[in-house]
N, C-alpha and C. Protein backbone atom coordinates (compact mmCIF):
# COMPACT_ATOMS: atom_id res chain seq x y z
N MET A 1 -34.62 -44.81 33.80
CA MET A 1 -33.69 -43.75 34.17
C MET A 1 -33.33 -42.94 32.91
N THR A 2 -33.48 -41.69 33.05
CA THR A 2 -33.22 -40.82 31.89
C THR A 2 -31.76 -40.42 31.84
N ASP A 3 -31.15 -40.65 30.68
CA ASP A 3 -29.75 -40.24 30.52
C ASP A 3 -29.66 -38.72 30.45
N THR A 4 -28.67 -38.20 31.11
CA THR A 4 -28.44 -36.76 31.07
C THR A 4 -27.43 -36.44 29.98
N VAL A 5 -27.84 -35.63 29.07
CA VAL A 5 -26.97 -35.26 27.97
C VAL A 5 -26.25 -33.96 28.34
N GLN A 6 -24.94 -34.02 28.39
CA GLN A 6 -24.16 -32.84 28.76
C GLN A 6 -23.76 -32.07 27.50
N THR A 7 -24.14 -30.84 27.45
CA THR A 7 -23.80 -29.99 26.31
C THR A 7 -22.56 -29.16 26.64
N ILE A 8 -21.57 -29.29 25.80
CA ILE A 8 -20.33 -28.55 26.02
C ILE A 8 -20.27 -27.40 25.02
N ALA A 9 -20.29 -26.21 25.54
CA ALA A 9 -20.23 -25.03 24.66
C ALA A 9 -18.81 -24.85 24.16
N PRO A 10 -18.63 -24.63 22.87
CA PRO A 10 -17.28 -24.43 22.34
C PRO A 10 -16.68 -23.14 22.89
N SER A 11 -15.40 -23.20 23.14
CA SER A 11 -14.73 -22.01 23.66
C SER A 11 -14.66 -20.96 22.56
N PHE A 12 -14.86 -19.71 22.94
CA PHE A 12 -14.86 -18.64 21.95
C PHE A 12 -14.19 -17.42 22.55
N ASP A 13 -13.16 -16.98 21.89
CA ASP A 13 -12.41 -15.82 22.38
C ASP A 13 -12.94 -14.58 21.68
N LYS A 14 -13.75 -13.80 22.38
CA LYS A 14 -14.36 -12.62 21.76
C LYS A 14 -13.39 -11.44 21.68
N THR A 15 -12.19 -11.63 22.21
CA THR A 15 -11.21 -10.53 22.16
C THR A 15 -10.37 -10.57 20.88
N ALA A 16 -10.62 -11.57 20.01
CA ALA A 16 -9.84 -11.69 18.77
C ALA A 16 -10.73 -12.04 17.60
N ASP A 17 -10.42 -11.49 16.44
CA ASP A 17 -11.12 -11.81 15.20
C ASP A 17 -10.14 -12.47 14.23
N GLN A 18 -10.69 -13.32 13.38
CA GLN A 18 -9.84 -13.99 12.38
C GLN A 18 -9.60 -13.06 11.19
N ALA A 19 -8.39 -13.07 10.69
CA ALA A 19 -8.02 -12.23 9.53
C ALA A 19 -7.16 -13.05 8.57
N ASP A 20 -7.21 -12.69 7.29
CA ASP A 20 -6.43 -13.37 6.27
C ASP A 20 -5.09 -12.67 6.07
N PHE A 21 -4.02 -13.45 6.03
CA PHE A 21 -2.68 -12.93 5.79
C PHE A 21 -2.08 -13.68 4.60
N LYS A 22 -1.41 -12.91 3.72
CA LYS A 22 -0.80 -13.50 2.54
C LYS A 22 0.64 -13.03 2.44
N PHE A 23 1.56 -13.98 2.28
CA PHE A 23 2.98 -13.65 2.26
C PHE A 23 3.62 -14.15 0.96
N ARG A 24 4.20 -13.21 0.21
CA ARG A 24 4.91 -13.55 -1.03
C ARG A 24 6.40 -13.47 -0.78
N PHE A 25 7.17 -14.23 -1.55
CA PHE A 25 8.61 -14.29 -1.35
C PHE A 25 9.37 -14.00 -2.63
N LYS A 26 10.51 -13.38 -2.46
CA LYS A 26 11.37 -13.08 -3.61
C LYS A 26 12.15 -14.32 -4.02
N LYS A 27 12.61 -14.33 -5.25
CA LYS A 27 13.46 -15.42 -5.70
C LYS A 27 14.84 -15.27 -5.08
N ASP A 28 15.48 -16.42 -4.80
CA ASP A 28 16.84 -16.37 -4.26
C ASP A 28 17.85 -16.30 -5.40
N LYS A 29 19.12 -16.37 -5.06
CA LYS A 29 20.18 -16.23 -6.06
C LYS A 29 20.19 -17.37 -7.08
N LEU A 30 19.57 -18.49 -6.72
CA LEU A 30 19.50 -19.64 -7.63
C LEU A 30 18.18 -19.66 -8.41
N ASP A 31 17.43 -18.57 -8.34
CA ASP A 31 16.16 -18.41 -9.05
C ASP A 31 15.05 -19.30 -8.48
N ASN A 32 15.23 -19.74 -7.24
CA ASN A 32 14.18 -20.50 -6.57
C ASN A 32 13.27 -19.54 -5.82
N GLN A 33 12.00 -19.89 -5.78
CA GLN A 33 11.04 -19.02 -5.09
C GLN A 33 10.11 -19.86 -4.23
N ARG A 34 10.03 -19.52 -2.96
CA ARG A 34 9.13 -20.21 -2.05
C ARG A 34 7.69 -19.87 -2.41
N PRO A 35 6.80 -20.86 -2.43
CA PRO A 35 5.40 -20.58 -2.75
C PRO A 35 4.77 -19.60 -1.77
N THR A 36 3.78 -18.86 -2.25
CA THR A 36 3.06 -17.91 -1.40
C THR A 36 2.41 -18.65 -0.23
N VAL A 37 2.49 -18.07 0.94
CA VAL A 37 1.90 -18.66 2.15
C VAL A 37 0.68 -17.85 2.55
N GLU A 38 -0.46 -18.53 2.73
CA GLU A 38 -1.69 -17.87 3.17
C GLU A 38 -2.08 -18.43 4.53
N ILE A 39 -2.35 -17.53 5.47
CA ILE A 39 -2.64 -17.93 6.84
C ILE A 39 -3.88 -17.19 7.35
N LYS A 40 -4.69 -17.88 8.11
CA LYS A 40 -5.81 -17.25 8.82
C LYS A 40 -5.34 -17.06 10.26
N GLY A 41 -5.05 -15.82 10.61
CA GLY A 41 -4.54 -15.53 11.94
C GLY A 41 -5.54 -14.72 12.75
N LEU A 42 -5.13 -14.35 13.95
CA LEU A 42 -6.02 -13.62 14.85
C LEU A 42 -5.50 -12.21 15.10
N VAL A 43 -6.42 -11.25 15.11
CA VAL A 43 -6.09 -9.87 15.46
C VAL A 43 -7.07 -9.42 16.54
N PRO A 44 -6.70 -8.44 17.36
CA PRO A 44 -7.61 -8.00 18.42
C PRO A 44 -8.95 -7.50 17.86
N SER A 45 -10.04 -7.93 18.46
CA SER A 45 -11.37 -7.44 18.10
C SER A 45 -11.61 -6.12 18.84
N VAL A 46 -12.80 -5.55 18.69
CA VAL A 46 -13.13 -4.33 19.43
C VAL A 46 -13.04 -4.60 20.93
N GLU A 47 -13.58 -5.75 21.34
CA GLU A 47 -13.50 -6.12 22.76
C GLU A 47 -12.05 -6.29 23.20
N GLY A 48 -11.23 -6.85 22.28
CA GLY A 48 -9.83 -7.04 22.61
C GLY A 48 -9.10 -5.72 22.78
N ILE A 49 -9.45 -4.74 21.96
CA ILE A 49 -8.82 -3.42 22.08
C ILE A 49 -9.18 -2.78 23.41
N VAL A 50 -10.43 -2.95 23.83
CA VAL A 50 -10.86 -2.42 25.13
C VAL A 50 -10.03 -3.04 26.25
N VAL A 51 -9.81 -4.35 26.16
CA VAL A 51 -9.00 -5.04 27.17
C VAL A 51 -7.58 -4.49 27.19
N ILE A 52 -7.01 -4.25 26.01
CA ILE A 52 -5.66 -3.69 25.93
C ILE A 52 -5.60 -2.32 26.60
N LEU A 53 -6.60 -1.48 26.33
CA LEU A 53 -6.64 -0.14 26.92
C LEU A 53 -6.77 -0.22 28.44
N GLU A 54 -7.60 -1.14 28.91
CA GLU A 54 -7.83 -1.25 30.36
C GLU A 54 -6.62 -1.83 31.08
N LYS A 55 -5.96 -2.77 30.43
CA LYS A 55 -4.82 -3.43 31.06
C LYS A 55 -3.57 -2.57 31.05
N GLY A 56 -3.40 -1.79 30.01
CA GLY A 56 -2.21 -0.93 29.90
C GLY A 56 -0.95 -1.75 29.69
N GLY A 57 0.17 -1.23 30.14
CA GLY A 57 1.44 -1.95 30.06
C GLY A 57 1.97 -2.05 28.64
N LYS A 58 2.69 -3.16 28.37
CA LYS A 58 3.36 -3.31 27.07
C LYS A 58 2.37 -3.48 25.92
N GLY A 59 1.22 -4.06 26.21
CA GLY A 59 0.21 -4.21 25.16
C GLY A 59 -0.26 -2.85 24.66
N LEU A 60 -0.48 -1.92 25.58
CA LEU A 60 -0.90 -0.58 25.20
C LEU A 60 0.23 0.15 24.47
N SER A 61 1.47 -0.05 24.93
CA SER A 61 2.62 0.58 24.26
C SER A 61 2.74 0.10 22.82
N LEU A 62 2.51 -1.21 22.61
CA LEU A 62 2.56 -1.77 21.26
C LEU A 62 1.46 -1.16 20.39
N LEU A 63 0.26 -0.98 20.95
CA LEU A 63 -0.84 -0.37 20.22
C LEU A 63 -0.50 1.07 19.83
N GLN A 64 0.11 1.80 20.75
CA GLN A 64 0.52 3.17 20.46
C GLN A 64 1.60 3.20 19.37
N ASP A 65 2.52 2.23 19.42
CA ASP A 65 3.56 2.15 18.38
C ASP A 65 2.93 1.89 17.02
N ALA A 66 1.92 1.02 16.99
CA ALA A 66 1.25 0.71 15.73
C ALA A 66 0.54 1.94 15.18
N MET A 67 -0.07 2.72 16.05
CA MET A 67 -0.75 3.95 15.63
C MET A 67 0.26 4.97 15.12
N TYR A 68 1.39 5.06 15.80
CA TYR A 68 2.46 5.95 15.34
C TYR A 68 2.92 5.55 13.94
N ASP A 69 3.08 4.25 13.71
CA ASP A 69 3.56 3.76 12.41
C ASP A 69 2.56 4.10 11.30
N VAL A 70 1.26 3.99 11.58
CA VAL A 70 0.24 4.32 10.58
C VAL A 70 0.35 5.78 10.17
N ILE A 71 0.46 6.65 11.16
CA ILE A 71 0.56 8.08 10.87
C ILE A 71 1.88 8.41 10.19
N ARG A 72 2.98 7.79 10.65
CA ARG A 72 4.28 8.05 10.03
C ARG A 72 4.30 7.59 8.58
N ASN A 73 3.72 6.42 8.29
CA ASN A 73 3.70 5.92 6.92
C ASN A 73 2.94 6.86 6.00
N GLN A 74 1.82 7.43 6.49
CA GLN A 74 1.06 8.35 5.67
C GLN A 74 1.85 9.63 5.43
N LEU A 75 2.51 10.12 6.47
CA LEU A 75 3.34 11.31 6.32
C LEU A 75 4.51 11.05 5.38
N ALA A 76 5.14 9.89 5.50
CA ALA A 76 6.29 9.55 4.66
C ALA A 76 5.89 9.54 3.19
N SER A 77 4.71 9.02 2.90
CA SER A 77 4.23 8.98 1.52
C SER A 77 4.01 10.40 0.99
N GLU A 78 3.43 11.26 1.83
CA GLU A 78 3.16 12.64 1.42
C GLU A 78 4.47 13.42 1.24
N VAL A 79 5.40 13.24 2.17
CA VAL A 79 6.69 13.95 2.10
C VAL A 79 7.44 13.55 0.83
N ALA A 80 7.40 12.27 0.48
CA ALA A 80 8.10 11.78 -0.71
C ALA A 80 7.51 12.39 -1.98
N ASP A 81 6.20 12.65 -1.98
CA ASP A 81 5.54 13.18 -3.17
C ASP A 81 5.61 14.70 -3.28
N ASN A 82 5.90 15.38 -2.16
CA ASN A 82 5.86 16.84 -2.13
C ASN A 82 7.16 17.40 -1.57
N GLU A 83 7.99 17.95 -2.45
CA GLU A 83 9.29 18.47 -2.03
C GLU A 83 9.16 19.71 -1.16
N LYS A 84 7.99 20.33 -1.14
CA LYS A 84 7.77 21.53 -0.32
C LYS A 84 7.20 21.20 1.06
N PHE A 85 7.08 19.91 1.35
CA PHE A 85 6.51 19.48 2.62
C PHE A 85 7.51 19.75 3.74
N ASP A 86 7.15 20.61 4.68
CA ASP A 86 7.98 20.90 5.85
C ASP A 86 7.06 21.11 7.04
N GLN A 87 7.61 21.57 8.16
CA GLN A 87 6.80 21.75 9.36
C GLN A 87 5.67 22.75 9.13
N ALA A 88 5.98 23.83 8.41
CA ALA A 88 4.96 24.85 8.16
C ALA A 88 3.81 24.27 7.32
N PHE A 89 4.16 23.44 6.32
CA PHE A 89 3.14 22.81 5.50
C PHE A 89 2.29 21.87 6.34
N TYR A 90 2.96 21.11 7.22
CA TYR A 90 2.22 20.20 8.09
C TYR A 90 1.27 20.97 9.00
N ASP A 91 1.77 22.04 9.62
CA ASP A 91 0.95 22.82 10.54
C ASP A 91 -0.30 23.37 9.85
N ALA A 92 -0.14 23.74 8.57
CA ALA A 92 -1.27 24.30 7.83
C ALA A 92 -2.27 23.23 7.39
N ASN A 93 -1.82 21.96 7.39
CA ASN A 93 -2.67 20.87 6.91
C ASN A 93 -2.79 19.73 7.93
N ALA A 94 -2.57 20.05 9.20
CA ALA A 94 -2.50 19.00 10.23
C ALA A 94 -3.76 18.13 10.29
N ALA A 95 -4.92 18.74 10.06
CA ALA A 95 -6.16 17.97 10.13
C ALA A 95 -6.18 16.82 9.14
N LYS A 96 -5.46 16.99 8.01
CA LYS A 96 -5.42 15.96 6.97
C LYS A 96 -4.69 14.72 7.45
N TYR A 97 -3.86 14.85 8.48
CA TYR A 97 -3.03 13.74 8.94
C TYR A 97 -3.46 13.23 10.31
N SER A 98 -4.66 13.58 10.73
CA SER A 98 -5.19 13.07 11.99
C SER A 98 -5.58 11.61 11.84
N TRP A 99 -5.75 10.94 12.96
CA TRP A 99 -6.14 9.53 12.93
C TRP A 99 -7.47 9.36 12.18
N GLU A 100 -8.43 10.25 12.46
CA GLU A 100 -9.75 10.16 11.82
C GLU A 100 -9.63 10.37 10.32
N ALA A 101 -8.82 11.34 9.90
CA ALA A 101 -8.67 11.61 8.47
C ALA A 101 -8.04 10.43 7.75
N ILE A 102 -7.03 9.84 8.35
CA ILE A 102 -6.37 8.68 7.74
C ILE A 102 -7.32 7.49 7.68
N ALA A 103 -8.15 7.35 8.70
CA ALA A 103 -9.12 6.25 8.73
C ALA A 103 -10.11 6.33 7.57
N ASN A 104 -10.34 7.54 7.07
CA ASN A 104 -11.29 7.73 5.98
C ASN A 104 -10.66 7.64 4.60
N ILE A 105 -9.34 7.43 4.55
CA ILE A 105 -8.66 7.20 3.28
C ILE A 105 -8.99 5.79 2.80
N ASP A 106 -9.11 5.62 1.49
CA ASP A 106 -9.36 4.29 0.94
C ASP A 106 -8.36 3.28 1.51
N ARG A 107 -8.86 2.11 1.88
CA ARG A 107 -8.01 1.13 2.55
C ARG A 107 -6.81 0.73 1.71
N GLN A 108 -7.01 0.60 0.40
CA GLN A 108 -5.89 0.24 -0.47
C GLN A 108 -4.81 1.31 -0.46
N ASP A 109 -5.22 2.57 -0.44
CA ASP A 109 -4.24 3.66 -0.40
C ASP A 109 -3.52 3.70 0.93
N ARG A 110 -4.22 3.37 2.01
CA ARG A 110 -3.56 3.33 3.33
C ARG A 110 -2.50 2.24 3.34
N ARG A 111 -2.84 1.08 2.81
CA ARG A 111 -1.87 -0.02 2.78
C ARG A 111 -0.69 0.32 1.89
N ALA A 112 -0.96 1.00 0.80
CA ALA A 112 0.11 1.38 -0.12
C ALA A 112 1.11 2.31 0.56
N ALA A 113 0.63 3.15 1.47
CA ALA A 113 1.51 4.09 2.16
C ALA A 113 2.54 3.38 3.03
N SER A 114 2.26 2.12 3.37
CA SER A 114 3.17 1.37 4.23
C SER A 114 4.23 0.58 3.44
N ILE A 115 4.21 0.69 2.11
CA ILE A 115 5.21 0.00 1.30
C ILE A 115 6.58 0.58 1.62
N SER A 116 7.53 -0.28 1.92
CA SER A 116 8.85 0.19 2.36
C SER A 116 9.67 0.78 1.21
N GLU A 117 10.62 1.62 1.56
CA GLU A 117 11.53 2.19 0.56
C GLU A 117 12.33 1.09 -0.14
N GLU A 118 12.66 0.04 0.62
CA GLU A 118 13.41 -1.08 0.04
C GLU A 118 12.60 -1.78 -1.05
N THR A 119 11.29 -1.91 -0.83
CA THR A 119 10.44 -2.56 -1.83
C THR A 119 10.32 -1.70 -3.07
N TRP A 120 10.17 -0.39 -2.89
CA TRP A 120 10.14 0.52 -4.03
C TRP A 120 11.45 0.45 -4.82
N ALA A 121 12.56 0.43 -4.09
CA ALA A 121 13.88 0.37 -4.75
C ALA A 121 14.03 -0.93 -5.52
N ALA A 122 13.55 -2.03 -4.95
CA ALA A 122 13.64 -3.33 -5.62
C ALA A 122 12.79 -3.35 -6.89
N PHE A 123 11.62 -2.73 -6.82
CA PHE A 123 10.76 -2.62 -8.00
C PHE A 123 11.45 -1.82 -9.10
N ALA A 124 12.01 -0.67 -8.74
CA ALA A 124 12.69 0.17 -9.73
C ALA A 124 13.85 -0.57 -10.38
N LYS A 125 14.62 -1.27 -9.58
CA LYS A 125 15.77 -2.03 -10.08
C LYS A 125 15.31 -3.10 -11.07
N ASP A 126 14.25 -3.82 -10.71
CA ASP A 126 13.76 -4.88 -11.60
C ASP A 126 13.19 -4.29 -12.89
N TYR A 127 12.48 -3.18 -12.77
CA TYR A 127 11.92 -2.52 -13.95
C TYR A 127 13.02 -2.12 -14.92
N ILE A 128 14.10 -1.54 -14.39
CA ILE A 128 15.21 -1.09 -15.23
C ILE A 128 15.92 -2.27 -15.88
N GLU A 129 15.96 -3.40 -15.21
CA GLU A 129 16.60 -4.59 -15.77
C GLU A 129 15.75 -5.24 -16.86
N VAL A 130 14.43 -5.21 -16.69
CA VAL A 130 13.53 -5.94 -17.59
C VAL A 130 13.14 -5.14 -18.83
N MET A 131 12.83 -3.87 -18.64
CA MET A 131 12.13 -3.12 -19.69
C MET A 131 12.95 -2.76 -20.94
N PRO A 132 14.26 -2.54 -20.87
CA PRO A 132 14.97 -2.26 -22.12
C PRO A 132 14.81 -3.39 -23.14
N GLY A 133 14.85 -4.63 -22.67
CA GLY A 133 14.70 -5.75 -23.58
C GLY A 133 13.27 -5.94 -24.08
N VAL A 134 12.30 -5.44 -23.33
CA VAL A 134 10.90 -5.59 -23.71
C VAL A 134 10.46 -4.48 -24.66
N THR A 135 10.94 -3.25 -24.42
CA THR A 135 10.46 -2.09 -25.17
C THR A 135 11.47 -1.53 -26.17
N ASN A 136 12.70 -2.05 -26.12
CA ASN A 136 13.79 -1.50 -26.94
C ASN A 136 14.11 -0.05 -26.59
N LYS A 137 13.70 0.38 -25.42
CA LYS A 137 14.04 1.72 -24.94
C LYS A 137 15.39 1.68 -24.24
N SER A 138 16.04 2.84 -24.17
CA SER A 138 17.35 2.92 -23.51
C SER A 138 17.21 2.79 -22.00
N ILE A 139 18.31 2.45 -21.35
CA ILE A 139 18.30 2.37 -19.89
C ILE A 139 17.93 3.72 -19.30
N GLU A 140 18.39 4.80 -19.95
CA GLU A 140 18.06 6.14 -19.46
C GLU A 140 16.56 6.38 -19.49
N ALA A 141 15.92 5.94 -20.58
CA ALA A 141 14.47 6.14 -20.72
C ALA A 141 13.69 5.37 -19.66
N VAL A 142 14.05 4.11 -19.44
CA VAL A 142 13.30 3.33 -18.45
C VAL A 142 13.63 3.80 -17.03
N THR A 143 14.84 4.30 -16.83
CA THR A 143 15.19 4.86 -15.53
C THR A 143 14.36 6.11 -15.25
N ASN A 144 14.18 6.94 -16.27
CA ASN A 144 13.34 8.13 -16.12
C ASN A 144 11.90 7.75 -15.78
N ALA A 145 11.45 6.64 -16.35
CA ALA A 145 10.09 6.17 -16.05
C ALA A 145 9.98 5.80 -14.57
N THR A 146 11.01 5.16 -14.02
CA THR A 146 10.94 4.77 -12.61
C THR A 146 10.93 5.99 -11.70
N ILE A 147 11.56 7.08 -12.14
CA ILE A 147 11.51 8.32 -11.34
C ILE A 147 10.07 8.79 -11.20
N VAL A 148 9.32 8.69 -12.29
CA VAL A 148 7.90 9.06 -12.26
C VAL A 148 7.13 8.10 -11.36
N TYR A 149 7.43 6.81 -11.46
CA TYR A 149 6.72 5.82 -10.63
C TYR A 149 7.01 6.03 -9.15
N LEU A 150 8.26 6.31 -8.82
CA LEU A 150 8.61 6.50 -7.42
C LEU A 150 7.91 7.71 -6.82
N LYS A 151 7.57 8.66 -7.67
CA LYS A 151 6.80 9.83 -7.24
C LYS A 151 5.30 9.61 -7.41
N LYS A 152 4.92 8.37 -7.76
CA LYS A 152 3.52 7.98 -7.92
C LYS A 152 2.77 8.88 -8.90
N PHE A 153 3.45 9.23 -9.99
CA PHE A 153 2.91 10.04 -11.09
C PHE A 153 2.66 11.50 -10.71
N SER A 154 2.95 11.88 -9.45
CA SER A 154 2.61 13.24 -9.01
C SER A 154 3.34 14.32 -9.80
N ILE A 155 4.56 14.02 -10.30
CA ILE A 155 5.33 15.05 -11.01
C ILE A 155 4.83 15.27 -12.44
N ILE A 156 3.94 14.39 -12.93
CA ILE A 156 3.36 14.60 -14.27
C ILE A 156 1.84 14.47 -14.20
N LYS A 157 1.26 14.77 -13.05
CA LYS A 157 -0.16 14.49 -12.84
C LYS A 157 -1.09 15.25 -13.79
N THR A 158 -0.62 16.37 -14.37
CA THR A 158 -1.45 17.10 -15.32
C THR A 158 -1.08 16.81 -16.77
N ASP A 159 -0.10 15.93 -16.96
CA ASP A 159 0.37 15.60 -18.31
C ASP A 159 -0.24 14.26 -18.74
N LYS A 160 -1.44 14.33 -19.28
CA LYS A 160 -2.15 13.10 -19.64
C LYS A 160 -1.45 12.32 -20.74
N THR A 161 -0.79 13.03 -21.64
CA THR A 161 -0.09 12.35 -22.74
C THR A 161 0.99 11.42 -22.19
N SER A 162 1.78 11.92 -21.24
CA SER A 162 2.85 11.11 -20.67
C SER A 162 2.30 9.97 -19.84
N ILE A 163 1.24 10.23 -19.09
CA ILE A 163 0.63 9.18 -18.29
C ILE A 163 0.12 8.06 -19.20
N ASN A 164 -0.49 8.44 -20.31
CA ASN A 164 -1.01 7.44 -21.25
C ASN A 164 0.11 6.64 -21.93
N LYS A 165 1.31 7.22 -21.99
CA LYS A 165 2.45 6.49 -22.53
C LYS A 165 2.99 5.48 -21.52
N LEU A 166 2.95 5.85 -20.25
CA LEU A 166 3.55 5.01 -19.21
C LEU A 166 2.65 3.86 -18.78
N LEU A 167 1.35 4.05 -18.81
CA LEU A 167 0.43 2.97 -18.39
C LEU A 167 0.63 1.68 -19.19
N PRO A 168 0.72 1.73 -20.53
CA PRO A 168 0.96 0.50 -21.27
C PRO A 168 2.31 -0.13 -20.94
N GLN A 169 3.30 0.69 -20.58
CA GLN A 169 4.60 0.15 -20.21
C GLN A 169 4.51 -0.61 -18.89
N LEU A 170 3.69 -0.12 -17.97
CA LEU A 170 3.46 -0.87 -16.73
C LEU A 170 2.82 -2.22 -17.03
N ALA A 171 1.88 -2.22 -17.98
CA ALA A 171 1.22 -3.47 -18.37
C ALA A 171 2.23 -4.45 -18.97
N LEU A 172 3.16 -3.94 -19.77
CA LEU A 172 4.20 -4.79 -20.36
C LEU A 172 5.11 -5.35 -19.28
N TYR A 173 5.42 -4.51 -18.30
CA TYR A 173 6.27 -4.99 -17.19
C TYR A 173 5.58 -6.13 -16.45
N ILE A 174 4.30 -5.96 -16.17
CA ILE A 174 3.55 -7.00 -15.46
C ILE A 174 3.55 -8.30 -16.27
N GLU A 175 3.45 -8.16 -17.58
CA GLU A 175 3.39 -9.34 -18.45
C GLU A 175 4.74 -10.05 -18.56
N HIS A 176 5.83 -9.30 -18.55
CA HIS A 176 7.13 -9.89 -18.87
C HIS A 176 8.06 -10.09 -17.68
N SER A 177 7.84 -9.40 -16.58
CA SER A 177 8.75 -9.59 -15.46
C SER A 177 8.33 -10.79 -14.61
N PRO A 178 9.24 -11.74 -14.37
CA PRO A 178 8.91 -12.88 -13.51
C PRO A 178 8.74 -12.46 -12.05
N ASN A 179 9.14 -11.22 -11.74
CA ASN A 179 9.07 -10.75 -10.35
C ASN A 179 7.88 -9.83 -10.10
N ALA A 180 7.05 -9.61 -11.12
CA ALA A 180 5.97 -8.63 -11.00
C ALA A 180 5.04 -8.92 -9.83
N GLU A 181 4.78 -10.19 -9.58
CA GLU A 181 3.84 -10.54 -8.50
C GLU A 181 4.33 -10.05 -7.14
N GLN A 182 5.65 -9.93 -6.98
CA GLN A 182 6.20 -9.45 -5.71
C GLN A 182 5.85 -7.99 -5.46
N PHE A 183 5.51 -7.27 -6.54
CA PHE A 183 5.27 -5.84 -6.43
C PHE A 183 3.80 -5.50 -6.74
N THR A 184 2.91 -6.43 -6.43
CA THR A 184 1.49 -6.24 -6.73
C THR A 184 0.93 -4.96 -6.11
N GLU A 185 1.27 -4.69 -4.85
CA GLU A 185 0.72 -3.51 -4.19
C GLU A 185 1.21 -2.23 -4.87
N ILE A 186 2.48 -2.21 -5.27
CA ILE A 186 3.03 -1.04 -5.97
C ILE A 186 2.33 -0.86 -7.31
N LEU A 187 2.20 -1.93 -8.07
CA LEU A 187 1.60 -1.85 -9.40
C LEU A 187 0.12 -1.45 -9.33
N ASP A 188 -0.59 -1.99 -8.34
CA ASP A 188 -1.99 -1.59 -8.16
C ASP A 188 -2.08 -0.11 -7.82
N LEU A 189 -1.19 0.35 -6.93
CA LEU A 189 -1.18 1.76 -6.54
C LEU A 189 -0.90 2.66 -7.74
N LEU A 190 0.11 2.31 -8.54
CA LEU A 190 0.47 3.13 -9.68
C LEU A 190 -0.66 3.20 -10.70
N ASN A 191 -1.31 2.10 -10.95
CA ASN A 191 -2.43 2.11 -11.89
C ASN A 191 -3.60 2.95 -11.35
N ARG A 192 -3.88 2.87 -10.06
CA ARG A 192 -4.95 3.67 -9.48
C ARG A 192 -4.62 5.16 -9.55
N LYS A 193 -3.37 5.50 -9.23
CA LYS A 193 -2.96 6.91 -9.27
C LYS A 193 -3.06 7.45 -10.69
N ALA A 194 -2.56 6.69 -11.65
CA ALA A 194 -2.58 7.14 -13.04
C ALA A 194 -4.02 7.33 -13.53
N GLU A 195 -4.88 6.36 -13.25
CA GLU A 195 -6.27 6.47 -13.68
C GLU A 195 -6.94 7.65 -12.99
N GLY A 196 -6.59 7.90 -11.74
CA GLY A 196 -7.15 9.04 -11.02
C GLY A 196 -6.76 10.36 -11.64
N TYR A 197 -5.48 10.50 -12.00
CA TYR A 197 -5.02 11.73 -12.63
C TYR A 197 -5.64 11.90 -14.03
N LEU A 198 -5.79 10.80 -14.74
CA LEU A 198 -6.39 10.89 -16.07
C LEU A 198 -7.84 11.35 -16.00
N GLY A 199 -8.54 10.98 -14.94
CA GLY A 199 -9.94 11.35 -14.81
C GLY A 199 -10.18 12.63 -14.04
N ALA A 200 -9.13 13.24 -13.50
CA ALA A 200 -9.29 14.40 -12.64
C ALA A 200 -9.97 15.56 -13.35
N ASP A 201 -9.51 15.90 -14.55
CA ASP A 201 -10.08 17.03 -15.29
C ASP A 201 -11.53 16.77 -15.65
N ASP A 202 -11.83 15.51 -15.99
CA ASP A 202 -13.20 15.18 -16.36
C ASP A 202 -14.14 15.39 -15.17
N VAL A 203 -13.69 15.01 -13.98
CA VAL A 203 -14.50 15.19 -12.77
C VAL A 203 -14.70 16.68 -12.51
N GLU A 204 -13.62 17.46 -12.65
CA GLU A 204 -13.70 18.90 -12.41
C GLU A 204 -14.69 19.56 -13.36
N LYS A 205 -14.65 19.16 -14.65
CA LYS A 205 -15.58 19.73 -15.62
C LYS A 205 -17.02 19.36 -15.27
N LEU A 206 -17.20 18.11 -14.81
CA LEU A 206 -18.54 17.66 -14.44
C LEU A 206 -19.08 18.48 -13.28
N VAL A 207 -18.24 18.69 -12.27
CA VAL A 207 -18.67 19.46 -11.09
C VAL A 207 -19.01 20.89 -11.49
N ASN A 208 -18.18 21.49 -12.35
CA ASN A 208 -18.40 22.87 -12.76
C ASN A 208 -19.69 23.04 -13.57
N ASN A 209 -20.16 21.95 -14.18
CA ASN A 209 -21.34 22.03 -15.02
C ASN A 209 -22.62 21.59 -14.30
N LEU A 210 -22.51 21.33 -13.00
CA LEU A 210 -23.69 20.91 -12.25
C LEU A 210 -24.66 22.09 -12.08
């Protein structure tokens, strides 16, 4: 008699994909800090998104809310950097803020646009507390530096001398602040923006000489 071997296929949910999540925590008032938590969680796959669209209801409303937040975060970042940004400016540049246009922005820059105002404020506060003792600069001087950082270097984007002065100060902050890891996304963004502005003229000259 031949034994029948039963094969059990593992269950597989094609409506979800695995994604990596990393959570950092601030120090409490007693200077204690919870270790970083890393989790492999699930997010809707392409098939899962189709199911959400077909089913409708609260799942679809949540998806629409998430899309609204992506567009709002990008607009908020632009409005903060440009004091002349108003409805007329938006109307003249609406294509730049479409879903497709935002999708083509570098992923790191898209994520940076979602950094909350509270996180930016916490970074500025920590920078002002740490840097006078590190650089021997006045509180006024380091406060002025944070104004530039909060504007993501846009207010001095053509002033390479000033950008070159501030980049080493960011490096010193990363080295000396015990809280620097909490602001990794901000620091990465600022370094990318600064390097981009420093190289902007070189790119323009290269294009003009093609």
